[in-house]
C-alpha atoms as a PDB file:
ATOM      1  CA  MET A   1     -66.576 -15.318 -60.103  1.00  0.00           C
ATOM      2  CA  THR A   2     -69.840 -13.749 -58.976  1.00  0.00           C
ATOM      3  CA  ARG A   3     -73.195 -15.263 -59.767  1.00  0.00           C
ATOM      4  CA  GLY A   4     -76.665 -13.800 -59.941  1.00  0.00           C
ATOM      5  CA  TRP A   5     -79.190 -14.610 -57.211  1.00  0.00           C
ATOM      6  CA  ILE A   6     -82.857 -13.825 -56.625  1.00  0.00           C
ATOM      7  CA  GLY A   7     -83.415 -15.624 -53.313  1.00  0.00           C
ATOM      8  CA  ILE A   8     -86.054 -18.201 -54.152  1.00  0.00           C
ATOM      9  CA  GLN A   9     -86.373 -21.928 -53.645  1.00  0.00           C
ATOM     10  CA  ILE A  10     -87.747 -23.760 -56.659  1.00  0.00           C
ATOM     11  CA  GLN A  11     -88.975 -27.210 -57.485  1.00  0.00           C
ATOM     12  CA  PRO A  12     -89.443 -29.007 -60.780  1.00  0.00           C
ATOM     13  CA  ILE A  13     -92.889 -29.332 -62.287  1.00  0.00           C
ATOM     14  CA  SER A  14     -93.961 -32.962 -62.583  1.00  0.00           C
ATOM     15  CA  PRO A  15     -96.591 -34.079 -65.100  1.00  0.00           C
ATOM     16  CA  ASP A  16     -99.173 -34.346 -62.284  1.00  0.00           C
ATOM     17  CA  LEU A  17     -98.306 -30.886 -60.953  1.00  0.00           C
ATOM     18  CA  ALA A  18     -98.472 -29.445 -64.482  1.00  0.00           C
ATOM     19  CA  LYS A  19    -101.954 -30.902 -64.899  1.00  0.00           C
ATOM     20  CA  GLY A  20    -103.042 -29.427 -61.567  1.00  0.00           C
ATOM     21  CA  LEU A  21    -101.700 -26.026 -62.616  1.00  0.00           C
ATOM     22  CA  GLY A  22    -103.499 -26.181 -65.956  1.00  0.00           C
ATOM     23  CA  LEU A  23    -100.292 -26.435 -68.005  1.00  0.00           C
ATOM     24  CA  ASN A  24    -100.230 -28.483 -71.213  1.00  0.00           C
ATOM     25  CA  SER A  25     -96.841 -29.946 -70.310  1.00  0.00           C
ATOM     26  CA  PRO A  26     -94.341 -29.841 -67.428  1.00  0.00           C
ATOM     27  CA  ARG A  27     -92.320 -26.694 -68.162  1.00  0.00           C
ATOM     28  CA  GLY A  28     -90.830 -23.924 -66.091  1.00  0.00           C
ATOM     29  CA  ALA A  29     -90.240 -24.084 -62.349  1.00  0.00           C
ATOM     30  CA  ILE A  30     -92.545 -23.475 -59.412  1.00  0.00           C
ATOM     31  CA  ILE A  31     -91.493 -21.250 -56.527  1.00  0.00           C
ATOM     32  CA  ALA A  32     -91.539 -23.237 -53.278  1.00  0.00           C
ATOM     33  CA  GLY A  33     -90.339 -20.336 -51.117  1.00  0.00           C
ATOM     34  CA  VAL A  34     -89.040 -16.787 -51.217  1.00  0.00           C
ATOM     35  CA  GLN A  35     -86.347 -15.572 -48.821  1.00  0.00           C
ATOM     36  CA  LYS A  36     -87.241 -12.484 -46.814  1.00  0.00           C
ATOM     37  CA  ASN A  37     -85.673  -9.258 -48.148  1.00  0.00           C
ATOM     38  CA  SER A  38     -84.252 -11.071 -51.192  1.00  0.00           C
ATOM     39  CA  PRO A  39     -84.359  -9.607 -54.720  1.00  0.00           C
ATOM     40  CA  GLY A  40     -87.259 -11.951 -55.505  1.00  0.00           C
ATOM     41  CA  ALA A  41     -89.221 -10.809 -52.446  1.00  0.00           C
ATOM     42  CA  LYS A  42     -88.619  -7.154 -53.314  1.00  0.00           C
ATOM     43  CA  ALA A  43     -89.928  -7.802 -56.847  1.00  0.00           C
ATOM     44  CA  GLY A  44     -93.085  -9.462 -55.525  1.00  0.00           C
ATOM     45  CA  LEU A  45     -92.363 -13.090 -56.425  1.00  0.00           C
ATOM     46  CA  ALA A  46     -94.486 -15.465 -54.346  1.00  0.00           C
ATOM     47  CA  ARG A  47     -94.736 -19.102 -53.383  1.00  0.00           C
ATOM     48  CA  GLY A  48     -96.735 -20.966 -56.032  1.00  0.00           C
ATOM     49  CA  ASP A  49     -95.712 -18.712 -58.932  1.00  0.00           C
ATOM     50  CA  VAL A  50     -94.583 -20.655 -61.997  1.00  0.00           C
ATOM     51  CA  ILE A  51     -91.567 -19.081 -63.679  1.00  0.00           C
ATOM     52  CA  ALA A  52     -92.002 -19.626 -67.412  1.00  0.00           C
ATOM     53  CA  SER A  53     -89.404 -17.293 -68.949  1.00  0.00           C
ATOM     54  CA  ILE A  54     -86.429 -15.025 -68.270  1.00  0.00           C
ATOM     55  CA  ASP A  55     -85.964 -12.045 -70.596  1.00  0.00           C
ATOM     56  CA  GLY A  56     -88.386 -13.627 -73.056  1.00  0.00           C
ATOM     57  CA  GLU A  57     -86.527 -16.961 -73.226  1.00  0.00           C
ATOM     58  CA  PRO A  58     -88.633 -19.962 -72.164  1.00  0.00           C
ATOM     59  CA  ILE A  59     -87.521 -21.835 -69.054  1.00  0.00           C
ATOM     60  CA  ARG A  60     -87.781 -25.559 -69.653  1.00  0.00           C
ATOM     61  CA  ASP A  61     -87.161 -26.769 -66.108  1.00  0.00           C
ATOM     62  CA  ALA A  62     -85.838 -25.892 -62.646  1.00  0.00           C
ATOM     63  CA  HIS A  63     -82.231 -26.653 -63.656  1.00  0.00           C
ATOM     64  CA  GLY A  64     -82.484 -24.301 -66.627  1.00  0.00           C
ATOM     65  CA  LEU A  65     -83.785 -21.526 -64.372  1.00  0.00           C
ATOM     66  CA  THR A  66     -80.938 -21.985 -61.885  1.00  0.00           C
ATOM     67  CA  LYS A  67     -78.334 -21.946 -64.650  1.00  0.00           C
ATOM     68  CA  LYS A  68     -79.815 -18.859 -66.320  1.00  0.00           C
ATOM     69  CA  ILE A  69     -79.978 -16.795 -63.103  1.00  0.00           C
ATOM     70  CA  GLN A  70     -76.527 -17.818 -61.884  1.00  0.00           C
ATOM     71  CA  ASN A  71     -74.986 -16.867 -65.233  1.00  0.00           C
ATOM     72  CA  MET A  72     -76.387 -13.345 -64.989  1.00  0.00           C
ATOM     73  CA  ALA A  73     -74.428 -10.528 -63.364  1.00  0.00           C
ATOM     74  CA  PRO A  74     -75.399  -9.268 -59.915  1.00  0.00           C
ATOM     75  CA  GLY A  75     -76.975  -5.829 -60.271  1.00  0.00           C
ATOM     76  CA  SER A  76     -78.468  -6.641 -63.676  1.00  0.00           C
ATOM     77  CA  SER A  77     -82.213  -6.733 -64.212  1.00  0.00           C
ATOM     78  CA  ALA A  78     -84.228  -9.658 -65.504  1.00  0.00           C
ATOM     79  CA  GLN A  79     -87.757  -9.718 -66.884  1.00  0.00           C
ATOM     80  CA  ILE A  80     -89.374 -12.780 -65.320  1.00  0.00           C
ATOM     81  CA  GLY A  81     -92.442 -14.180 -67.045  1.00  0.00           C
ATOM     82  CA  LEU A  82     -94.611 -16.021 -64.576  1.00  0.00           C
ATOM     83  CA  LEU A  83     -97.981 -17.628 -64.198  1.00  0.00           C
ATOM     84  CA  ARG A  84     -99.925 -16.694 -61.060  1.00  0.00           C
ATOM     85  CA  ASN A  85    -103.518 -17.788 -60.502  1.00  0.00           C
ATOM     86  CA  ASP A  86    -103.998 -18.584 -64.210  1.00  0.00           C
ATOM     87  CA  THR A  87    -102.739 -15.121 -65.182  1.00  0.00           C
ATOM     88  CA  GLU A  88     -99.511 -14.390 -67.039  1.00  0.00           C
ATOM     89  CA  LYS A  89     -97.443 -11.593 -65.566  1.00  0.00           C
ATOM     90  CA  ILE A  90     -94.032  -9.985 -66.186  1.00  0.00           C
ATOM     91  CA  VAL A  91     -91.989  -8.950 -63.144  1.00  0.00           C
ATOM     92  CA  THR A  92     -88.664  -7.105 -63.191  1.00  0.00           C
ATOM     93  CA  VAL A  93     -86.079  -8.381 -60.701  1.00  0.00           C
ATOM     94  CA  THR A  94     -82.726  -6.753 -59.986  1.00  0.00           C
ATOM     95  CA  LEU A  95     -80.370  -9.615 -59.220  1.00  0.00           C
ATOM     96  CA  GLY A  96     -78.268  -9.813 -56.108  1.00  0.00           C
ATOM     97  CA  GLN A  97     -75.032 -11.738 -55.685  1.00  0.00           C
ATOM     98  CA  LEU A  98     -75.220 -15.428 -54.855  1.00  0.00           C
ATOM     99  CA  PRO A  99     -73.944 -15.827 -51.282  1.00  0.00           C
ATOM    100  CA  ASP A 100     -70.945 -18.162 -51.006  1.00  0.00           C
ATOM    101  CA  ARG A 101     -72.716 -20.766 -48.888  1.00  0.00           C
ATOM    102  CA  ALA A 102     -76.160 -20.561 -50.504  1.00  0.00           C
ATOM    103  CA  THR A 103     -77.568 -23.204 -52.804  1.00  0.00           C
ATOM    104  CA  ASN A 104     -80.698 -21.231 -53.727  1.00  0.00           C
ATOM    105  CA  GLN A 105     -81.531 -19.173 -56.769  1.00  0.00           C
END
């Protein structure tokens, strides 16, 4: 079975982090790192971006984001709704295949 991959490291959003980001509640997942030459890097995802939705579906937490991406087919495209510097943005990412030994998104 192949799984989708975008090559980012994520972390959950705590209530304190949500407050610092100006969010009403802890939702979505924050990007802690982006792997060089990964699908996420090629699409322009950056450390500190908050991923709020995939293909218009809200992302509740980091686990939900991981599950959603890994259930998508490599080679498919995803519309990622994110919050960057208090601005909402939509980015299209073409998913790669999750490497066998990787634990990242």
